[in-house]
């Protein structure tokens, strides 16, 4: 449940908590900076939550 909330509110933090500091986190950070919705979509995909 916490992951779902973080995926919506703070996508990079949700990715960081699951995958750590790496390429996946940087991609999430970039997508969120370009647009909040792409960041959310990426977070849901990489965290495997529906």
N, C-alpha and C. Protein backbone atom coordinates (compact mmCIF):
# COMPACT_ATOMS: atom_id res chain seq x y z
N UNK A 1 0.82 -1.20 0.00
CA UNK A 1 0.00 0.00 0.00
C UNK A 1 0.86 1.26 0.00
N UNK A 2 1.93 1.25 0.80
CA UNK A 2 2.82 2.41 0.85
C UNK A 2 3.48 2.64 -0.50
N UNK A 3 3.86 1.56 -1.18
CA UNK A 3 4.50 1.69 -2.48
C UNK A 3 3.56 2.34 -3.49
N UNK A 4 2.31 1.98 -3.45
CA UNK A 4 1.33 2.56 -4.38
C UNK A 4 1.19 4.05 -4.13
N UNK A 5 1.10 4.45 -2.88
CA UNK A 5 0.98 5.87 -2.55
C UNK A 5 2.22 6.63 -2.99
N UNK A 6 3.40 6.06 -2.72
CA UNK A 6 4.64 6.72 -3.14
C UNK A 6 4.79 6.74 -4.65
N UNK A 7 4.32 5.71 -5.34
CA UNK A 7 4.35 5.71 -6.81
C UNK A 7 3.59 6.91 -7.36
N UNK A 8 2.53 7.28 -6.70
CA UNK A 8 1.69 8.39 -7.18
C UNK A 8 2.25 9.74 -6.73
N UNK A 9 2.61 9.85 -5.46
CA UNK A 9 3.04 11.15 -4.92
C UNK A 9 4.50 11.48 -5.22
N UNK A 10 5.40 10.52 -5.03
CA UNK A 10 6.84 10.74 -5.21
C UNK A 10 7.45 9.54 -5.95
N UNK A 11 7.25 9.48 -7.27
CA UNK A 11 7.72 8.31 -8.02
C UNK A 11 9.21 7.99 -7.83
N UNK A 12 10.12 8.98 -7.86
CA UNK A 12 11.53 8.61 -7.69
C UNK A 12 11.83 7.98 -6.32
N UNK A 13 11.16 8.44 -5.28
CA UNK A 13 11.38 7.87 -3.95
C UNK A 13 10.91 6.42 -3.91
N UNK A 14 9.79 6.12 -4.53
CA UNK A 14 9.29 4.75 -4.57
C UNK A 14 10.27 3.83 -5.30
N UNK A 15 10.82 4.32 -6.41
CA UNK A 15 11.80 3.52 -7.17
C UNK A 15 13.07 3.36 -6.35
N UNK A 16 13.51 4.42 -5.69
CA UNK A 16 14.72 4.35 -4.87
C UNK A 16 14.57 3.33 -3.74
N UNK A 17 13.42 3.31 -3.09
CA UNK A 17 13.21 2.39 -1.97
C UNK A 17 13.25 0.93 -2.42
N UNK A 18 12.84 0.66 -3.64
CA UNK A 18 12.82 -0.73 -4.12
C UNK A 18 14.11 -1.13 -4.83
N UNK A 19 14.72 -0.20 -5.60
CA UNK A 19 15.86 -0.56 -6.45
C UNK A 19 17.17 0.10 -6.04
N UNK A 20 17.13 1.04 -5.13
CA UNK A 20 18.35 1.71 -4.71
C UNK A 20 18.78 2.79 -5.70
N UNK A 21 19.96 3.31 -5.47
CA UNK A 21 20.49 4.39 -6.29
C UNK A 21 21.20 3.77 -7.50
N UNK A 22 20.58 3.92 -8.65
CA UNK A 22 21.15 3.33 -9.86
C UNK A 22 20.49 3.93 -11.09
N UNK A 23 20.63 3.21 -12.19
CA UNK A 23 20.10 3.70 -13.47
C UNK A 23 18.58 3.82 -13.43
N UNK A 24 17.92 2.86 -12.81
CA UNK A 24 16.46 2.89 -12.74
C UNK A 24 15.99 4.13 -11.99
N UNK A 25 16.67 4.47 -10.90
CA UNK A 25 16.32 5.67 -10.14
C UNK A 25 16.54 6.92 -10.98
N UNK A 26 17.66 6.99 -11.70
CA UNK A 26 17.94 8.16 -12.52
C UNK A 26 16.92 8.33 -13.65
N UNK A 27 16.51 7.22 -14.24
CA UNK A 27 15.47 7.28 -15.28
C UNK A 27 14.17 7.80 -14.68
N UNK A 28 13.82 7.31 -13.51
CA UNK A 28 12.61 7.76 -12.84
C UNK A 28 12.68 9.25 -12.52
N UNK A 29 13.83 9.70 -12.04
CA UNK A 29 14.03 11.12 -11.73
C UNK A 29 13.88 11.98 -12.99
N UNK A 30 14.48 11.54 -14.08
CA UNK A 30 14.40 12.28 -15.33
C UNK A 30 12.96 12.33 -15.86
N UNK A 31 12.28 11.20 -15.85
CA UNK A 31 10.90 11.17 -16.34
C UNK A 31 9.98 12.03 -15.48
N UNK A 32 10.20 12.03 -14.17
CA UNK A 32 9.38 12.84 -13.29
C UNK A 32 9.66 14.33 -13.51
N UNK A 33 10.92 14.67 -13.80
CA UNK A 33 11.26 16.07 -14.08
C UNK A 33 10.64 16.54 -15.40
N UNK A 34 10.56 15.63 -16.37
CA UNK A 34 9.96 15.99 -17.66
C UNK A 34 8.45 16.08 -17.58
N UNK A 35 7.86 15.31 -16.71
CA UNK A 35 6.41 15.30 -16.55
C UNK A 35 6.03 14.33 -15.47
N UNK A 36 5.14 14.73 -14.61
CA UNK A 36 4.78 13.92 -13.46
C UNK A 36 4.17 12.58 -13.86
N UNK A 37 3.31 12.59 -14.87
CA UNK A 37 2.63 11.37 -15.31
C UNK A 37 3.61 10.32 -15.85
N UNK A 38 4.58 10.67 -16.70
CA UNK A 38 5.55 9.65 -17.12
C UNK A 38 6.33 9.05 -15.95
N UNK A 39 6.62 9.86 -14.94
CA UNK A 39 7.29 9.35 -13.75
C UNK A 39 6.45 8.33 -13.00
N UNK A 40 5.16 8.61 -12.90
CA UNK A 40 4.23 7.69 -12.22
C UNK A 40 4.14 6.37 -13.01
N UNK A 41 4.00 6.47 -14.31
CA UNK A 41 3.89 5.27 -15.13
C UNK A 41 5.15 4.41 -14.99
N UNK A 42 6.31 5.05 -15.06
CA UNK A 42 7.57 4.32 -14.92
C UNK A 42 7.67 3.66 -13.55
N UNK A 43 7.28 4.37 -12.50
CA UNK A 43 7.36 3.81 -11.14
C UNK A 43 6.46 2.58 -11.01
N UNK A 44 5.26 2.64 -11.56
CA UNK A 44 4.37 1.48 -11.48
C UNK A 44 4.94 0.30 -12.27
N UNK A 45 5.55 0.57 -13.42
CA UNK A 45 6.11 -0.51 -14.24
C UNK A 45 7.28 -1.18 -13.53
N UNK A 46 8.26 -0.39 -13.06
CA UNK A 46 9.45 -1.00 -12.47
C UNK A 46 9.20 -1.59 -11.09
N UNK A 47 8.21 -1.07 -10.36
CA UNK A 47 7.92 -1.61 -9.04
C UNK A 47 6.95 -2.78 -9.10
N UNK A 48 6.36 -3.03 -10.25
CA UNK A 48 5.52 -4.19 -10.44
C UNK A 48 4.20 -4.14 -9.69
N UNK A 49 3.72 -2.96 -9.38
CA UNK A 49 2.43 -2.85 -8.70
C UNK A 49 1.39 -2.41 -9.71
N UNK A 50 0.15 -2.81 -9.47
CA UNK A 50 -0.93 -2.46 -10.39
C UNK A 50 -1.89 -1.53 -9.72
